Amino acid sequence: MNPKVSIILLTYNQIDYIDEAINSIIEQTYKNWELIVSDNGSDDGTHEILRKYENNKRIKLLIYDLNDYVTKRANQALKEVSGEYVSLFYGDDYFLPNKIEEQVDCFKKLSNEW
């Protein structure tokens, strides 16, 4: 069985990049994932782009009206994860298509000491 990976995407005013970031998760070769998107009060239209993903059952949107400490938003997102592993990235970044698969494979090879 492949363990579930919870991916947290933290974003603030990244309208030009957010679609590419989310699509880089959707297009992963590893399929047992969930995505928690935490938008930290964007006012540039990022919220509108995020709304098009609200019906995707593997994507949870945490959209805040006010900008606050990024650590606060990260901790709020961490409370929402249900996976065995957690991966973190930001709205102006993207994952290569096999990133999660390769990382999970590496973890599977580790001894129980880890």
PDB file of N, CA and C in Angstrom:
ATOM      1  N   MET A   1       0.845  -1.195   0.000  1.00  0.00           N
ATOM      2  CA  MET A   1       0.000   0.000   0.000  1.00  0.00           C
ATOM      3  C   MET A   1       0.881   1.246   0.000  1.00  0.00           C
ATOM      4  N   ASN A   2       0.504   2.194  -0.806  1.00  0.00           N
ATOM      5  CA  ASN A   2       1.249   3.450  -0.853  1.00  0.00           C
ATOM      6  C   ASN A   2       0.715   4.418   0.195  1.00  0.00           C
ATOM      7  N   PRO A   3       1.602   4.941   1.037  1.00  0.00           N
ATOM      8  CA  PRO A   3       1.150   5.872   2.071  1.00  0.00           C
ATOM      9  C   PRO A   3       0.633   7.171   1.462  1.00  0.00           C
ATOM     10  N   LYS A   4      -0.306   7.758   2.150  1.00  0.00           N
ATOM     11  CA  LYS A   4      -0.852   9.039   1.708  1.00  0.00           C
ATOM     12  C   LYS A   4       0.135  10.155   2.036  1.00  0.00           C
ATOM     13  N   VAL A   5       0.293  11.083   1.090  1.00  0.00           N
ATOM     14  CA  VAL A   5       1.151  12.247   1.283  1.00  0.00           C
ATOM     15  C   VAL A   5       0.267  13.483   1.326  1.00  0.00           C
ATOM     16  N   SER A   6       0.373  14.232   2.402  1.00  0.00           N
ATOM     17  CA  SER A   6      -0.332  15.507   2.525  1.00  0.00           C
ATOM     18  C   SER A   6       0.616  16.606   2.074  1.00  0.00           C
ATOM     19  N   ILE A   7       0.179  17.366   1.091  1.00  0.00           N
ATOM     20  CA  ILE A   7       0.998  18.435   0.539  1.00  0.00           C
ATOM     21  C   ILE A   7       0.372  19.757   0.954  1.00  0.00           C
ATOM     22  N   ILE A   8       1.147  20.588   1.623  1.00  0.00           N
ATOM     23  CA  ILE A   8       0.684  21.904   2.043  1.00  0.00           C
ATOM     24  C   ILE A   8       1.285  22.945   1.117  1.00  0.00           C
ATOM     25  N   LEU A   9       0.419  23.732   0.529  1.00  0.00           N
ATOM     26  CA  LEU A   9       0.835  24.825  -0.350  1.00  0.00           C
ATOM     27  C   LEU A   9       0.456  26.132   0.337  1.00  0.00           C
ATOM     28  N   LEU A  10       1.460  26.926   0.668  1.00  0.00           N
ATOM     29  CA  LEU A  10       1.242  28.234   1.293  1.00  0.00           C
ATOM     30  C   LEU A  10       1.365  29.305   0.220  1.00  0.00           C
ATOM     31  N   THR A  11       0.392  30.201   0.172  1.00  0.00           N
ATOM     32  CA  THR A  11       0.410  31.218  -0.879  1.00  0.00           C
ATOM     33  C   THR A  11      -0.082  32.565  -0.370  1.00  0.00           C
ATOM     34  N   TYR A  12       0.425  33.609  -0.998  1.00  0.00           N
ATOM     35  CA  TYR A  12      -0.026  34.971  -0.760  1.00  0.00           C
ATOM     36  C   TYR A  12       0.298  35.793  -2.004  1.00  0.00           C
ATOM     37  N   ASN A  13      -0.727  36.299  -2.653  1.00  0.00           N
ATOM     38  CA  ASN A  13      -0.581  37.162  -3.837  1.00  0.00           C
ATOM     39  C   ASN A  13       0.331  36.541  -4.898  1.00  0.00           C
ATOM     40  N   GLN A  14       0.013  35.326  -5.300  1.00  0.00           N
ATOM     41  CA  GLN A  14       0.823  34.638  -6.309  1.00  0.00           C
ATOM     42  C   GLN A  14      -0.032  34.225  -7.507  1.00  0.00           C
ATOM     43  N   ILE A  15      -0.874  35.145  -7.942  1.00  0.00           N
ATOM     44  CA  ILE A  15      -1.811  34.897  -9.024  1.00  0.00           C
ATOM     45  C   ILE A  15      -1.121  34.384 -10.288  1.00  0.00           C
ATOM     46  N   ASP A  16       0.079  34.860 -10.555  1.00  0.00           N
ATOM     47  CA  ASP A  16       0.782  34.474 -11.783  1.00  0.00           C
ATOM     48  C   ASP A  16       1.342  33.058 -11.740  1.00  0.00           C
ATOM     49  N   TYR A  17       1.393  32.439 -10.575  1.00  0.00           N
ATOM     50  CA  TYR A  17       2.061  31.147 -10.414  1.00  0.00           C
ATOM     51  C   TYR A  17       1.180  30.038  -9.849  1.00  0.00           C
ATOM     52  N   ILE A  18       0.076  30.410  -9.205  1.00  0.00           N
ATOM     53  CA  ILE A  18      -0.673  29.443  -8.407  1.00  0.00           C
ATOM     54  C   ILE A  18      -1.243  28.295  -9.236  1.00  0.00           C
ATOM     55  N   ASP A  19      -1.703  28.575 -10.440  1.00  0.00           N
ATOM     56  CA  ASP A  19      -2.222  27.493 -11.295  1.00  0.00           C
ATOM     57  C   ASP A  19      -1.141  26.462 -11.604  1.00  0.00           C
ATOM     58  N   GLU A  20       0.052  26.928 -11.952  1.00  0.00           N
ATOM     59  CA  GLU A  20       1.157  26.005 -12.255  1.00  0.00           C
ATOM     60  C   GLU A  20       1.533  25.193 -11.020  1.00  0.00           C
ATOM     61  N   ALA A  21       1.530  25.833  -9.865  1.00  0.00           N
ATOM     62  CA  ALA A  21       1.859  25.124  -8.627  1.00  0.00           C
ATOM     63  C   ALA A  21       0.857  23.999  -8.361  1.00  0.00           C
ATOM     64  N   ILE A  22      -0.428  24.314  -8.432  1.00  0.00           N
ATOM     65  CA  ILE A  22      -1.459  23.302  -8.171  1.00  0.00           C
ATOM     66  C   ILE A  22      -1.438  22.208  -9.230  1.00  0.00           C
ATOM     67  N   ASN A  23      -1.303  22.580 -10.478  1.00  0.00           N
ATOM     68  CA  ASN A  23      -1.266  21.571 -11.542  1.00  0.00           C
ATOM     69  C   ASN A  23      -0.055  20.660 -11.428  1.00  0.00           C
ATOM     70  N   SER A  24       1.031  21.163 -10.855  1.00  0.00           N
ATOM     71  CA  SER A  24       2.198  20.297 -10.669  1.00  0.00           C
ATOM     72  C   SER A  24       1.918  19.199  -9.645  1.00  0.00           C
ATOM     73  N   ILE A  25       0.949  19.416  -8.777  1.00  0.00           N
ATOM     74  CA  ILE A  25       0.528  18.375  -7.833  1.00  0.00           C
ATOM     75  C   ILE A  25      -0.457  17.426  -8.518  1.00  0.00           C
ATOM     76  N   ILE A  26      -1.418  17.984  -9.201  1.00  0.00           N
ATOM     77  CA  ILE A  26      -2.418  17.165  -9.887  1.00  0.00           C
ATOM     78  C   ILE A  26      -1.753  16.199 -10.865  1.00  0.00           C
ATOM     79  N   GLU A  27      -0.670  16.610 -11.476  1.00  0.00           N
ATOM     80  CA  GLU A  27       0.023  15.801 -12.487  1.00  0.00           C
ATOM     81  C   GLU A  27       1.114  14.895 -11.918  1.00  0.00           C
ATOM     82  N   GLN A  28       1.168  14.723 -10.620  1.00  0.00           N
ATOM     83  CA  GLN A  28       2.164  13.847 -10.016  1.00  0.00           C
ATOM     84  C   GLN A  28       1.976  12.395 -10.477  1.00  0.00           C
ATOM     85  N   THR A  29       3.078  11.688 -10.641  1.00  0.00           N
ATOM     86  CA  THR A  29       3.013  10.266 -10.966  1.00  0.00           C
ATOM     87  C   THR A  29       2.519   9.473  -9.759  1.00  0.00           C
ATOM     88  N   TYR A  30       2.772   9.967  -8.571  1.00  0.00           N
ATOM     89  CA  TYR A  30       2.274   9.362  -7.333  1.00  0.00           C
ATOM     90  C   TYR A  30       0.855   9.867  -7.113  1.00  0.00           C
ATOM     91  N   LYS A  31      -0.076   8.964  -6.883  1.00  0.00           N
ATOM     92  CA  LYS A  31      -1.489   9.349  -6.875  1.00  0.00           C
ATOM     93  C   LYS A  31      -2.153   9.415  -5.498  1.00  0.00           C
ATOM     94  N   ASN A  32      -1.520   8.909  -4.465  1.00  0.00           N
ATOM     95  CA  ASN A  32      -2.150   8.920  -3.149  1.00  0.00           C
ATOM     96  C   ASN A  32      -1.721  10.165  -2.372  1.00  0.00           C
ATOM     97  N   TRP A  33      -2.347  11.274  -2.702  1.00  0.00           N
ATOM     98  CA  TRP A  33      -2.011  12.549  -2.079  1.00  0.00           C
ATOM     99  C   TRP A  33      -3.266  13.350  -1.794  1.00  0.00           C
ATOM    100  N   GLU A  34      -3.101  14.317  -0.921  1.00  0.00           N
ATOM    101  CA  GLU A  34      -4.094  15.359  -0.703  1.00  0.00           C
ATOM    102  C   GLU A  34      -3.341  16.679  -0.708  1.00  0.00           C
ATOM    103  N   LEU A  35      -4.020  17.731  -1.130  1.00  0.00           N
ATOM    104  CA  LEU A  35      -3.403  19.055  -1.185  1.00  0.00           C
ATOM    105  C   LEU A  35      -4.205  19.999  -0.304  1.00  0.00           C
ATOM    106  N   ILE A  36      -3.515  20.633   0.636  1.00  0.00           N
ATOM    107  CA  ILE A  36      -4.123  21.646   1.482  1.00  0.00           C
ATOM    108  C   ILE A  36      -3.511  22.979   1.067  1.00  0.00           C
ATOM    109  N   VAL A  37      -4.336  23.846   0.508  1.00  0.00           N
ATOM    110  CA  VAL A  37      -3.883  25.163   0.047  1.00  0.00           C
ATOM    111  C   VAL A  37      -4.279  26.187   1.096  1.00  0.00           C
ATOM    112  N   SER A  38      -3.286  26.900   1.613  1.00  0.00           N
ATOM    113  CA  SER A  38      -3.538  27.948   2.596  1.00  0.00           C
ATOM    114  C   SER A  38      -3.213  29.291   1.968  1.00  0.00           C
ATOM    115  N   ASP A  39      -4.271  30.055   1.669  1.00  0.00           N
ATOM    116  CA  ASP A  39      -4.066  31.389   1.101  1.00  0.00           C
ATOM    117  C   ASP A  39      -4.136  32.417   2.219  1.00  0.00           C
ATOM    118  N   ASN A  40      -3.072  33.172   2.362  1.00  0.00           N
ATOM    119  CA  ASN A  40      -2.878  34.077   3.492  1.00  0.00           C
ATOM    120  C   ASN A  40      -3.393  35.487   3.204  1.00  0.00           C
ATOM    121  N   GLY A  41      -4.649  35.584   2.777  1.00  0.00           N
ATOM    122  CA  GLY A  41      -5.266  36.895   2.596  1.00  0.00           C
ATOM    123  C   GLY A  41      -4.902  37.592   1.301  1.00  0.00           C
ATOM    124  N   SER A  42      -4.707  36.847   0.245  1.00  0.00           N
ATOM    125  CA  SER A  42      -4.354  37.456  -1.047  1.00  0.00           C
ATOM    126  C   SER A  42      -5.408  38.482  -1.471  1.00  0.00           C
ATOM    127  N   ASP A  43      -4.937  39.531  -2.122  1.00  0.00           N
ATOM    128  CA  ASP A  43      -5.850  40.548  -2.648  1.00  0.00           C
ATOM    129  C   ASP A  43      -5.573  40.838  -4.125  1.00  0.00           C
ATOM    130  N   ASP A  44      -4.941  39.889  -4.812  1.00  0.00           N
ATOM    131  CA  ASP A  44      -4.553  40.079  -6.215  1.00  0.00           C
ATOM    132  C   ASP A  44      -5.351  39.206  -7.184  1.00  0.00           C
ATOM    133  N   GLY A  45      -6.387  38.513  -6.687  1.00  0.00           N
ATOM    134  CA  GLY A  45      -7.161  37.618  -7.536  1.00  0.00           C
ATOM    135  C   GLY A  45      -6.811  36.155  -7.357  1.00  0.00           C
ATOM    136  N   THR A  46      -5.868  35.853  -6.502  1.00  0.00           N
ATOM    137  CA  THR A  46      -5.496  34.458  -6.248  1.00  0.00           C
ATOM    138  C   THR A  46      -6.706  33.657  -5.769  1.00  0.00           C
ATOM    139  N   HIS A  47      -7.538  34.264  -4.912  1.00  0.00           N
ATOM    140  CA  HIS A  47      -8.728  33.566  -4.397  1.00  0.00           C
ATOM    141  C   HIS A  47      -9.612  33.073  -5.529  1.00  0.00           C
ATOM    142  N   GLU A  48      -9.796  33.892  -6.542  1.00  0.00           N
ATOM    143  CA  GLU A  48     -10.669  33.517  -7.653  1.00  0.00           C
ATOM    144  C   GLU A  48     -10.112  32.308  -8.399  1.00  0.00           C
ATOM    145  N   ILE A  49      -8.812  32.255  -8.589  1.00  0.00           N
ATOM    146  CA  ILE A  49      -8.195  31.102  -9.251  1.00  0.00           C
ATOM    147  C   ILE A  49      -8.354  29.856  -8.375  1.00  0.00           C
ATOM    148  N   LEU A  50      -8.168  30.003  -7.085  1.00  0.00           N
ATOM    149  CA  LEU A  50      -8.287  28.859  -6.178  1.00  0.00           C
ATOM    150  C   LEU A  50      -9.698  28.270  -6.188  1.00  0.00           C
ATOM    151  N   ARG A  51     -10.691  29.097  -6.334  1.00  0.00           N
ATOM    152  CA  ARG A  51     -12.086  28.633  -6.295  1.00  0.00           C
ATOM    153  C   ARG A  51     -12.380  27.595  -7.372  1.00  0.00           C
ATOM    154  N   LYS A  52     -11.647  27.615  -8.470  1.00  0.00           N
ATOM    155  CA  LYS A  52     -11.932  26.628  -9.516  1.00  0.00           C
ATOM    156  C   LYS A  52     -11.521  25.211  -9.094  1.00  0.00           C
ATOM    157  N   TYR A  53     -10.799  25.080  -7.990  1.00  0.00           N
ATOM    158  CA  TYR A  53     -10.381  23.775  -7.472  1.00  0.00           C
ATOM    159  C   TYR A  53     -11.248  23.299  -6.298  1.00  0.00           C
ATOM    160  N   GLU A  54     -12.241  24.085  -5.914  1.00  0.00           N
ATOM    161  CA  GLU A  54     -12.991  23.762  -4.702  1.00  0.00           C
ATOM    162  C   GLU A  54     -13.827  22.492  -4.811  1.00  0.00           C
ATOM    163  N   ASN A  55     -14.082  21.997  -5.997  1.00  0.00           N
ATOM    164  CA  ASN A  55     -14.839  20.752  -6.145  1.00  0.00           C
ATOM    165  C   ASN A  55     -13.950  19.518  -6.293  1.00  0.00           C
ATOM    166  N   ASN A  56     -12.653  19.708  -6.275  1.00  0.00           N
ATOM    167  CA  ASN A  56     -11.720  18.594  -6.333  1.00  0.00           C
ATOM    168  C   ASN A  56     -11.622  18.001  -4.927  1.00  0.00           C
ATOM    169  N   LYS A  57     -12.027  16.752  -4.778  1.00  0.00           N
ATOM    170  CA  LYS A  57     -12.100  16.128  -3.451  1.00  0.00           C
ATOM    171  C   LYS A  57     -10.737  15.958  -2.778  1.00  0.00           C
ATOM    172  N   ARG A  58      -9.669  16.014  -3.548  1.00  0.00           N
ATOM    173  CA  ARG A  58      -8.335  15.851  -2.953  1.00  0.00           C
ATOM    174  C   ARG A  58      -7.693  17.182  -2.592  1.00  0.00           C
ATOM    175  N   ILE A  59      -8.389  18.274  -2.873  1.00  0.00           N
ATOM    176  CA  ILE A  59      -7.846  19.605  -2.587  1.00  0.00           C
ATOM    177  C   ILE A  59      -8.729  20.293  -1.559  1.00  0.00           C
ATOM    178  N   LYS A  60      -8.098  20.732  -0.464  1.00  0.00           N
ATOM    179  CA  LYS A  60      -8.808  21.472   0.575  1.00  0.00           C
ATOM    180  C   LYS A  60      -8.292  22.907   0.560  1.00  0.00           C
ATOM    181  N   LEU A  61      -9.215  23.844   0.462  1.00  0.00           N
ATOM    182  CA  LEU A  61      -8.843  25.256   0.419  1.00  0.00           C
ATOM    183  C   LEU A  61      -9.061  25.903   1.781  1.00  0.00           C
ATOM    184  N   LEU A  62      -8.020  26.543   2.273  1.00  0.00           N
ATOM    185  CA  LEU A  62      -8.104  27.361   3.483  1.00  0.00           C
ATOM    186  C   LEU A  62      -7.845  28.792   3.015  1.00  0.00           C
ATOM    187  N   ILE A  63      -8.911  29.544   2.823  1.00  0.00           N
ATOM    188  CA  ILE A  63      -8.783  30.896   2.282  1.00  0.00           C
ATOM    189  C   ILE A  63      -9.091  31.890   3.392  1.00  0.00           C
ATOM    190  N   TYR A  64      -8.095  32.700   3.710  1.00  0.00           N
ATOM    191  CA  TYR A  64      -8.225  33.677   4.788  1.00  0.00           C
ATOM    192  C   TYR A  64      -8.356  35.080   4.209  1.00  0.00           C
ATOM    193  N   ASP A  65      -9.134  35.907   4.882  1.00  0.00           N
ATOM    194  CA  ASP A  65      -9.340  37.280   4.429  1.00  0.00           C
ATOM    195  C   ASP A  65      -8.198  38.209   4.810  1.00  0.00           C
ATOM    196  N   LEU A  66      -7.506  37.881   5.886  1.00  0.00           N
ATOM    197  CA  LEU A  66      -6.441  38.753   6.382  1.00  0.00           C
ATOM    198  C   LEU A  66      -5.085  38.071   6.292  1.00  0.00           C
ATOM    199  N   ASN A  67      -4.066  38.847   5.980  1.00  0.00           N
ATOM    200  CA  ASN A  67      -2.699  38.357   5.966  1.00  0.00           C
ATOM    201  C   ASN A  67      -2.208  38.251   7.405  1.00  0.00           C
ATOM    202  N   ASP A  68      -1.574  37.129   7.724  1.00  0.00           N
ATOM    203  CA  ASP A  68      -1.081  36.891   9.080  1.00  0.00           C
ATOM    204  C   ASP A  68       0.274  36.197   8.973  1.00  0.00           C
ATOM    205  N   TYR A  69       0.869  35.863  10.088  1.00  0.00           N
ATOM    206  CA  TYR A  69       2.165  35.196  10.097  1.00  0.00           C
ATOM    207  C   TYR A  69       2.104  33.905   9.294  1.00  0.00           C
ATOM    208  N   VAL A  70       3.102  33.678   8.449  1.00  0.00           N
ATOM    209  CA  VAL A  70       3.119  32.463   7.624  1.00  0.00           C
ATOM    210  C   VAL A  70       3.200  31.216   8.509  1.00  0.00           C
ATOM    211  N   THR A  71       3.863  31.318   9.644  1.00  0.00           N
ATOM    212  CA  THR A  71       3.944  30.172  10.550  1.00  0.00           C
ATOM    213  C   THR A  71       2.569  29.823  11.125  1.00  0.00           C
ATOM    214  N   LYS A  72       1.749  30.820  11.377  1.00  0.00           N
ATOM    215  CA  LYS A  72       0.387  30.579  11.846  1.00  0.00           C
ATOM    216  C   LYS A  72      -0.405  29.830  10.776  1.00  0.00           C
ATOM    217  N   ARG A  73      -0.283  30.269   9.521  1.00  0.00           N
ATOM    218  CA  ARG A  73      -1.007  29.621   8.422  1.00  0.00           C
ATOM    219  C   ARG A  73      -0.495  28.199   8.203  1.00  0.00           C
ATOM    220  N   ALA A  74       0.800  27.991   8.332  1.00  0.00           N
ATOM    221  CA  ALA A  74       1.363  26.645   8.183  1.00  0.00           C
ATOM    222  C   ALA A  74       0.830  25.722   9.279  1.00  0.00           C
ATOM    223  N   ASN A  75       0.779  26.215  10.505  1.00  0.00           N
ATOM    224  CA  ASN A  75       0.263  25.401  11.609  1.00  0.00           C
ATOM    225  C   ASN A  75      -1.217  25.096  11.442  1.00  0.00           C
ATOM    226  N   GLN A  76      -1.987  26.053  10.930  1.00  0.00           N
ATOM    227  CA  GLN A  76      -3.402  25.802  10.666  1.00  0.00           C
ATOM    228  C   GLN A  76      -3.558  24.711   9.608  1.00  0.00           C
ATOM    229  N   ALA A  77      -2.736  24.768   8.580  1.00  0.00           N
ATOM    230  CA  ALA A  77      -2.788  23.750   7.520  1.00  0.00           C
ATOM    231  C   ALA A  77      -2.367  22.382   8.065  1.00  0.00           C
ATOM    232  N   LEU A  78      -1.362  22.360   8.923  1.00  0.00           N
ATOM    233  CA  LEU A  78      -0.914  21.092   9.508  1.00  0.00           C
ATOM    234  C   LEU A  78      -2.024  20.381  10.273  1.00  0.00           C
ATOM    235  N   LYS A  79      -2.920  21.136  10.860  1.00  0.00           N
ATOM    236  CA  LYS A  79      -4.045  20.533  11.595  1.00  0.00           C
ATOM    237  C   LYS A  79      -5.018  19.819  10.662  1.00  0.00           C
ATOM    238  N   GLU A  80      -4.935  20.089   9.378  1.00  0.00           N
ATOM    239  CA  GLU A  80      -5.869  19.520   8.398  1.00  0.00           C
ATOM    240  C   GLU A  80      -5.337  18.266   7.701  1.00  0.00           C
ATOM    241  N   VAL A  81      -4.075  17.931   7.883  1.00  0.00           N
ATOM    242  CA  VAL A  81      -3.485  16.822   7.134  1.00  0.00           C
ATOM    243  C   VAL A  81      -3.998  15.477   7.644  1.00  0.00           C
ATOM    244  N   SER A  82      -4.051  14.518   6.715  1.00  0.00           N
ATOM    245  CA  SER A  82      -4.446  13.162   7.092  1.00  0.00           C
ATOM    246  C   SER A  82      -3.450  12.128   6.566  1.00  0.00           C
ATOM    247  N   GLY A  83      -2.379  12.578   5.926  1.00  0.00           N
ATOM    248  CA  GLY A  83      -1.403  11.668   5.358  1.00  0.00           C
ATOM    249  C   GLY A  83      -0.346  11.219   6.346  1.00  0.00           C
ATOM    250  N   GLU A  84       0.386  10.185   5.938  1.00  0.00           N
ATOM    251  CA  GLU A  84       1.495   9.687   6.753  1.00  0.00           C
ATOM    252  C   GLU A  84       2.745  10.553   6.591  1.00  0.00           C
ATOM    253  N   TYR A  85       2.848  11.214   5.441  1.00  0.00           N
ATOM    254  CA  TYR A  85       3.955  12.118   5.166  1.00  0.00           C
ATOM    255  C   TYR A  85       3.396  13.489   4.827  1.00  0.00           C
ATOM    256  N   VAL A  86       4.208  14.522   5.102  1.00  0.00           N
ATOM    257  CA  VAL A  86       3.820  15.896   4.793  1.00  0.00           C
ATOM    258  C   VAL A  86       4.911  16.533   3.954  1.00  0.00           C
ATOM    259  N   SER A  87       4.489  17.203   2.899  1.00  0.00           N
ATOM    260  CA  SER A  87       5.401  17.943   2.030  1.00  0.00           C
ATOM    261  C   SER A  87       4.911  19.387   1.984  1.00  0.00           C
ATOM    262  N   LEU A  88       5.837  20.327   2.008  1.00  0.00           N
ATOM    263  CA  LEU A  88       5.514  21.743   2.073  1.00  0.00           C
ATOM    264  C   LEU A  88       6.115  22.473   0.890  1.00  0.00           C
ATOM    265  N   PHE A  89       5.327  23.351   0.282  1.00  0.00           N
ATOM    266  CA  PHE A  89       5.877  24.237  -0.731  1.00  0.00           C
ATOM    267  C   PHE A  89       5.033  25.482  -0.850  1.00  0.00           C
ATOM    268  N   TYR A  90       5.452  26.398  -1.710  1.00  0.00           N
ATOM    269  CA  TYR A  90       4.849  27.725  -1.801  1.00  0.00           C
ATOM    270  C   TYR A  90       4.244  27.961  -3.181  1.00  0.00           C
ATOM    271  N   GLY A  91       3.325  28.897  -3.255  1.00  0.00           N
ATOM    272  CA  GLY A  91       2.540  29.150  -4.443  1.00  0.00           C
ATOM    273  C   GLY A  91       3.287  29.663  -5.651  1.00  0.00           C
ATOM    274  N   ASP A  92       4.543  30.005  -5.499  1.00  0.00           N
ATOM    275  CA  ASP A  92       5.336  30.437  -6.661  1.00  0.00           C
ATOM    276  C   ASP A  92       6.367  29.380  -7.038  1.00  0.00           C
ATOM    277  N   ASP A  93       6.110  28.155  -6.626  1.00  0.00           N
ATOM    278  CA  ASP A  93       7.006  27.044  -6.908  1.00  0.00           C
ATOM    279  C   ASP A  93       6.192  25.950  -7.596  1.00  0.00           C
ATOM    280  N   TYR A  94       6.849  24.881  -8.002  1.00  0.00           N
ATOM    281  CA  TYR A  94       6.154  23.734  -8.574  1.00  0.00           C
ATOM    282  C   TYR A  94       6.989  22.486  -8.325  1.00  0.00           C
ATOM    283  N   PHE A  95       6.320  21.340  -8.382  1.00  0.00           N
ATOM    284  CA  PHE A  95       6.989  20.053  -8.213  1.00  0.00           C
ATOM    285  C   PHE A  95       7.213  19.425  -9.578  1.00  0.00           C
ATOM    286  N   LEU A  96       8.354  18.784  -9.759  1.00  0.00           N
ATOM    287  CA  LEU A  96       8.561  17.960 -10.936  1.00  0.00           C
ATOM    288  C   LEU A  96       7.599  16.777 -10.861  1.00  0.00           C
ATOM    289  N   PRO A  97       7.190  16.214 -11.988  1.00  0.00           N
ATOM    290  CA  PRO A  97       6.120  15.200 -11.995  1.00  0.00           C
ATOM    291  C   PRO A  97       6.356  13.974 -11.113  1.00  0.00           C
ATOM    292  N   ASN A  98       7.583  13.586 -10.884  1.00  0.00           N
ATOM    293  CA  ASN A  98       7.843  12.380 -10.102  1.00  0.00           C
ATOM    294  C   ASN A  98       8.419  12.673  -8.716  1.00  0.00           C
ATOM    295  N   LYS A  99       8.342  13.908  -8.262  1.00  0.00           N
ATOM    296  CA  LYS A  99       8.932  14.297  -6.979  1.00  0.00           C
ATOM    297  C   LYS A  99       8.403  13.463  -5.819  1.00  0.00           C
ATOM    298  N   ILE A 100       7.088  13.408  -5.665  1.00  0.00           N
ATOM    299  CA  ILE A 100       6.505  12.697  -4.526  1.00  0.00           C
ATOM    300  C   ILE A 100       6.791  11.201  -4.613  1.00  0.00           C
ATOM    301  N   GLU A 101       6.689  10.621  -5.798  1.00  0.00           N
ATOM    302  CA  GLU A 101       6.971   9.199  -5.975  1.00  0.00           C
ATOM    303  C   GLU A 101       8.401   8.864  -5.557  1.00  0.00           C
ATOM    304  N   GLU A 102       9.346   9.677  -5.983  1.00  0.00           N
ATOM    305  CA  GLU A 102      10.751   9.421  -5.635  1.00  0.00           C
ATOM    306  C   GLU A 102      10.991   9.594  -4.140  1.00  0.00           C
ATOM    307  N   GLN A 103      10.367  10.578  -3.527  1.00  0.00           N
ATOM    308  CA  GLN A 103      10.559  10.777  -2.092  1.00  0.00           C
ATOM    309  C   GLN A 103       9.965   9.629  -1.288  1.00  0.00           C
ATOM    310  N   VAL A 104       8.773   9.184  -1.664  1.00  0.00           N
ATOM    311  CA  VAL A 104       8.157   8.060  -0.953  1.00  0.00           C
ATOM    312  C   VAL A 104       9.010   6.808  -1.123  1.00  0.00           C
ATOM    313  N   ASP A 105       9.531   6.576  -2.314  1.00  0.00           N
ATOM    314  CA  ASP A 105      10.412   5.420  -2.540  1.00  0.00           C
ATOM    315  C   ASP A 105      11.636   5.484  -1.636  1.00  0.00           C
ATOM    316  N   CYS A 106      12.194   6.662  -1.464  1.00  0.00           N
ATOM    317  CA  CYS A 106      13.352   6.821  -0.567  1.00  0.00           C
ATOM    318  C   CYS A 106      12.973   6.493   0.873  1.00  0.00           C
ATOM    319  N   PHE A 107      11.817   6.979   1.315  1.00  0.00           N
ATOM    320  CA  PHE A 107      11.375   6.685   2.676  1.00  0.00           C
ATOM    321  C   PHE A 107      11.127   5.197   2.881  1.00  0.00           C
ATOM    322  N   LYS A 108      10.605   4.516   1.882  1.00  0.00           N
ATOM    323  CA  LYS A 108      10.347   3.081   1.993  1.00  0.00           C
ATOM    324  C   LYS A 108      11.628   2.280   2.187  1.00  0.00           C
ATOM    325  N   LYS A 109      12.733   2.805   1.706  1.00  0.00           N
ATOM    326  CA  LYS A 109      14.020   2.103   1.782  1.00  0.00           C
ATOM    327  C   LYS A 109      14.714   2.332   3.126  1.00  0.00           C
ATOM    328  N   LEU A 110      14.245   3.274   3.902  1.00  0.00           N
ATOM    329  CA  LEU A 110      14.874   3.557   5.201  1.00  0.00           C
ATOM    330  C   LEU A 110      14.561   2.460   6.204  1.00  0.00           C
ATOM    331  N   SER A 111      15.478   2.239   7.105  1.00  0.00           N
ATOM    332  CA  SER A 111      15.213   1.266   8.169  1.00  0.00           C
ATOM    333  C   SER A 111      14.219   1.852   9.154  1.00  0.00           C
ATOM    334  N   ASN A 112      13.674   1.011   9.999  1.00  0.00           N
ATOM    335  CA  ASN A 112      12.704   1.463  11.004  1.00  0.00           C
ATOM    336  C   ASN A 112      13.305   2.418  12.016  1.00  0.00           C
ATOM    337  N   GLU A 113      14.635   2.466  12.104  1.00  0.00           N
ATOM    338  CA  GLU A 113      15.295   3.391  13.029  1.00  0.00           C
ATOM    339  C   GLU A 113      14.943   4.837  12.719  1.00  0.00           C
ATOM    340  N   TRP A 114      14.689   5.119  11.462  1.00  0.00           N
ATOM    341  CA  TRP A 114      14.374   6.483  11.060  1.00  0.00           C
ATOM    342  C   TRP A 114      12.970   6.823  11.462  1.00  0.00           C
TER     343      TRP A 114
END
